[in-house]
Protein backbone atom coordinates (compact mmCIF):
# COMPACT_ATOMS: atom_id res chain seq x y z
CA UNK A 1 -8.48 26.78 -14.44
CA UNK A 2 -5.39 27.33 -12.09
CA UNK A 3 -5.17 24.20 -9.11
CA UNK A 4 -2.65 24.34 -5.99
CA UNK A 5 -0.49 21.70 -5.85
CA UNK A 6 -2.65 19.82 -3.14
CA UNK A 7 -5.79 19.63 -5.62
CA UNK A 8 -3.97 18.27 -8.76
CA UNK A 9 -1.20 15.33 -8.95
CA UNK A 10 0.05 16.24 -13.27
CA UNK A 11 2.68 14.19 -15.17
CA UNK A 12 1.32 10.78 -15.20
CA UNK A 13 1.81 8.33 -17.69
CA UNK A 14 0.26 5.06 -19.24
CA UNK A 15 0.95 2.58 -21.78
CA UNK A 16 -2.89 2.08 -22.39
CA UNK A 17 -3.91 -0.67 -20.86
CA UNK A 18 -5.63 1.01 -17.14
CA UNK A 19 -7.54 3.68 -19.15
CA UNK A 20 -10.23 4.13 -21.24
CA UNK A 21 -11.77 8.01 -22.16
CA UNK A 22 -15.11 8.08 -20.08
CA UNK A 23 -17.18 9.20 -23.87
CA UNK A 24 -15.89 6.36 -25.64
CA UNK A 25 -14.81 3.60 -23.65
CA UNK A 26 -11.16 3.70 -26.27
CA UNK A 27 -8.20 3.15 -24.61
CA UNK A 28 -6.23 5.76 -24.13
CA UNK A 29 -2.12 5.88 -23.89
CA UNK A 30 -0.29 8.75 -22.87
CA UNK A 31 0.21 11.56 -19.92
CA UNK A 32 -2.88 11.95 -17.57
CA UNK A 33 -3.13 14.28 -14.40
CA UNK A 34 -5.92 13.29 -11.73
CA UNK A 35 -8.06 15.82 -9.60
CA UNK A 36 -8.00 15.50 -5.75
CA UNK A 37 -12.23 14.90 -6.64
CA UNK A 38 -10.61 11.41 -7.80
CA UNK A 39 -11.57 12.60 -11.68
CA UNK A 40 -8.83 11.62 -14.25
CA UNK A 41 -7.82 14.06 -17.29
CA UNK A 42 -5.95 13.10 -20.48
CA UNK A 43 -3.03 15.78 -20.51
CA UNK A 44 -0.06 16.73 -18.34
CA UNK A 45 -2.23 18.94 -16.76
CA UNK A 46 -5.41 21.18 -16.96
CA UNK A 47 -4.31 23.70 -19.75
CA UNK A 48 -2.45 20.89 -21.62
CA UNK A 49 -4.65 20.57 -24.99
CA UNK A 50 -8.25 20.07 -24.00
CA UNK A 51 -8.34 17.56 -21.62
CA UNK A 52 -10.93 14.72 -21.79
CA UNK A 53 -12.20 12.51 -18.59
CA UNK A 54 -10.67 9.29 -18.11
CA UNK A 55 -11.49 6.51 -16.55
CA UNK A 56 -9.96 3.43 -14.80
CA UNK A 57 -10.68 -0.12 -16.69
CA UNK A 58 -9.59 -1.97 -12.81
CA UNK A 59 -9.83 -1.83 -9.63
CA UNK A 60 -6.83 -0.04 -7.70
CA UNK A 61 -6.30 -3.17 -5.70
CA UNK A 62 -6.16 -5.37 -9.13
CA UNK A 63 -3.18 -3.15 -11.22
CA UNK A 64 -0.70 -5.27 -11.54
CA UNK A 65 2.60 -4.09 -9.65
CA UNK A 66 4.46 -5.40 -12.66
CA UNK A 67 2.90 -2.91 -15.30
CA UNK A 68 6.02 -1.33 -16.98
CA UNK A 69 4.89 2.02 -16.64
CA UNK A 70 7.90 4.80 -17.82
CA UNK A 71 6.81 7.44 -15.72
CA UNK A 72 5.36 6.69 -11.64
CA UNK A 73 3.85 3.56 -10.24
CA UNK A 74 0.42 1.94 -10.74
CA UNK A 75 -2.40 3.26 -8.37
CA UNK A 76 -1.62 0.21 -6.29
CA UNK A 77 1.39 -1.20 -6.82
CA UNK A 78 3.23 1.67 -4.25
CA UNK A 79 1.05 0.45 -1.65
CA UNK A 80 2.29 -3.31 -2.64
CA UNK A 81 5.62 -2.26 -2.22
CA UNK A 82 5.25 -0.22 1.02
CA UNK A 83 2.42 -2.45 2.16
CA UNK A 84 -0.25 0.73 2.78
CA UNK A 85 -3.73 0.09 2.64
CA UNK A 86 -5.23 1.21 -0.32
CA UNK A 87 -7.34 3.91 -0.78
CA UNK A 88 -10.80 4.77 -1.87
CA UNK A 89 -9.07 7.73 -4.30
CA UNK A 90 -6.95 7.40 -6.58
CA UNK A 91 -5.57 10.67 -5.98
CA UNK A 92 -4.82 9.43 -2.36
CA UNK A 93 -2.81 6.51 -4.13
CA UNK A 94 -0.59 8.74 -5.52
CA UNK A 95 -0.10 11.45 -2.82
CA UNK A 96 1.50 8.54 -0.41
CA UNK A 97 3.58 7.49 -3.90
CA UNK A 98 4.43 11.28 -3.95
CA UNK A 99 5.38 11.58 -0.09
CA UNK A 100 2.84 14.18 0.35
CA UNK A 101 1.86 14.26 3.90
CA UNK A 102 -0.30 11.15 4.48
CA UNK A 103 1.96 9.06 7.33
CA UNK A 104 1.77 5.58 7.61
CA UNK A 105 -1.17 5.31 10.10
CA UNK A 106 -3.90 3.17 10.90
CA UNK A 107 -5.90 6.47 11.85
CA UNK A 108 -8.26 8.29 9.08
CA UNK A 109 -7.12 11.01 7.47
CA UNK A 110 -8.73 13.52 6.06
CA UNK A 111 -9.42 13.68 2.05
CA UNK A 112 -10.38 16.47 -0.37
CA UNK A 113 -14.32 16.81 -1.23
CA UNK A 114 -15.74 19.00 -3.34
CA UNK A 115 -18.30 20.98 -1.55
CA UNK A 116 -22.01 21.31 -2.11
CA UNK A 117 -22.89 24.99 -2.88
CA UNK A 118 -25.75 26.58 -1.73
CA UNK A 119 -27.37 30.40 -3.05
CA UNK A 120 -26.56 32.68 -1.80
CA UNK A 121 -24.12 31.23 0.63
CA UNK A 122 -22.78 28.54 2.60
CA UNK A 123 -19.89 27.33 4.85
CA UNK A 124 -17.23 25.77 3.31
CA UNK A 125 -14.45 23.55 5.82
CA UNK A 126 -10.71 22.98 5.43
CA UNK A 127 -8.20 21.13 7.42
CA UNK A 128 -4.85 22.31 7.80
CA UNK A 129 -1.17 20.00 8.84
CA UNK A 130 -0.01 21.97 11.70
CA UNK A 131 3.85 21.05 10.96
CA UNK A 132 3.55 22.55 7.30
CA UNK A 133 1.22 24.68 5.04
CA UNK A 134 -0.69 22.08 3.27
CA UNK A 135 -4.45 22.62 3.49
CA UNK A 136 -7.20 20.37 2.24
CA UNK A 137 -10.82 20.86 2.10
CA UNK A 138 -13.46 18.75 3.33
CA UNK A 139 -17.07 17.86 3.88
CA UNK A 140 -18.46 18.47 7.01
CA UNK A 141 -18.55 15.18 8.09
CA UNK A 142 -15.28 15.08 8.41
CA UNK A 143 -14.51 18.52 9.80
CA UNK A 144 -16.87 17.17 12.88
CA UNK A 145 -15.11 14.09 13.56
CA UNK A 146 -11.64 16.24 13.51
CA UNK A 147 -12.59 18.94 15.48
CA UNK A 148 -14.57 16.99 18.26
CA UNK A 149 -11.12 14.74 18.39
CA UNK A 150 -12.42 11.23 17.08
CA UNK A 151 -9.77 9.08 18.03
CA UNK A 152 -10.37 6.66 15.58
CA UNK A 153 -9.27 10.51 13.11
CA UNK A 154 -5.60 11.99 13.16
CA UNK A 155 -7.08 14.90 14.16
CA UNK A 156 -3.74 15.71 15.99
CA UNK A 157 -1.53 16.68 12.93
CA UNK A 158 -4.72 18.99 11.62
CA UNK A 159 -5.94 22.41 12.21
CA UNK A 160 -9.77 22.31 11.33
CA UNK A 161 -11.53 25.79 9.85
CA UNK A 162 -14.13 27.15 8.46
CA UNK A 163 -14.98 30.08 5.94
CA UNK A 164 -18.15 31.47 4.76
CA UNK A 165 -18.53 31.12 1.37
CA UNK A 166 -20.84 33.84 -1.03
CA UNK A 167 -22.23 32.41 -4.40
CA UNK A 168 -24.63 35.04 -5.00
CA UNK A 169 -27.13 38.18 -4.73
CA UNK A 170 -24.68 40.34 -5.49
CA UNK A 171 -22.42 41.26 -8.62
CA UNK A 172 -19.65 39.15 -9.48
CA UNK A 173 -17.06 41.63 -8.76
CA UNK A 174 -18.35 42.34 -5.65
CA UNK A 175 -18.82 38.69 -4.32
CA UNK A 176 -14.68 38.49 -5.79
CA UNK A 177 -13.91 41.65 -3.21
CA UNK A 178 -16.50 39.76 -0.52
CA UNK A 179 -14.31 35.90 -0.75
CA UNK A 180 -11.33 37.71 -1.20
CA UNK A 181 -11.14 39.96 1.91
CA UNK A 182 -12.82 36.74 3.74
CA UNK A 183 -9.76 34.99 2.72
CA UNK A 184 -7.11 37.07 3.76
CA UNK A 185 -9.43 37.92 6.80
CA UNK A 186 -9.15 34.31 7.92
CA UNK A 187 -5.35 33.80 6.86
CA UNK A 188 -4.30 36.84 9.34
CA UNK A 189 -6.74 35.68 12.36
CA UNK A 190 -5.17 32.04 12.24
CA UNK A 191 -2.11 32.63 10.63
CA UNK A 192 -2.75 30.30 7.82
CA UNK A 193 0.54 31.29 6.20
CA UNK A 194 -0.33 30.33 2.35
CA UNK A 195 -4.41 29.92 2.61
CA UNK A 196 -4.64 32.48 -0.16
CA UNK A 197 -2.15 30.97 -2.75
CA UNK A 198 -4.88 28.01 -1.95
CA UNK A 199 -8.23 29.80 -2.39
CA UNK A 200 -7.70 31.55 -6.03
CA UNK A 201 -10.94 31.81 -7.87
CA UNK A 202 -13.00 33.89 -5.54
CA UNK A 203 -16.41 33.68 -7.69
CA UNK A 204 -15.87 29.81 -7.50
CA UNK A 205 -19.24 28.53 -7.48
CA UNK A 206 -21.45 31.46 -8.63
């Protein structure tokens, strides 16, 4: 399955002292990737062999910044280095290491949330950085906070928008066509350049 760059961090590496296989609890050494949901899998990316789910053995705040990892920093060490607050998601921690859009601020930033699908349709919620083509799928609570300009959130940096999504009541081909048309119309109407590259699976959640 294809994942946009905003939904996956590939090519991470562990020396075998902070990740274990979820199903066997055995330590894992090698490349791994992290999805925006926070789940971690073996392999450089989603197409590298047969990915197996991994879990961290330590809280990110407890992982020593001095660990000698060949590729990248541990999830917490980069925060220690720059004095950032540790995020609740490993994904968000490494986003900051790679310089992906999150400013060093005390305001609350939106984070990716896997939507809860409903039959035959439901609403998906998104934000877009106002100064780049960076998209994040969020939940309704975050959407309402940012859309209402809650001062606890960094709302000024984001454009909020909704996307109706069909999950049933028709053939998969018609569902795909319907969702694709909605994505393209939304992209055109709101000038969301690149959004049709962020959404690529038009039968997702069916």
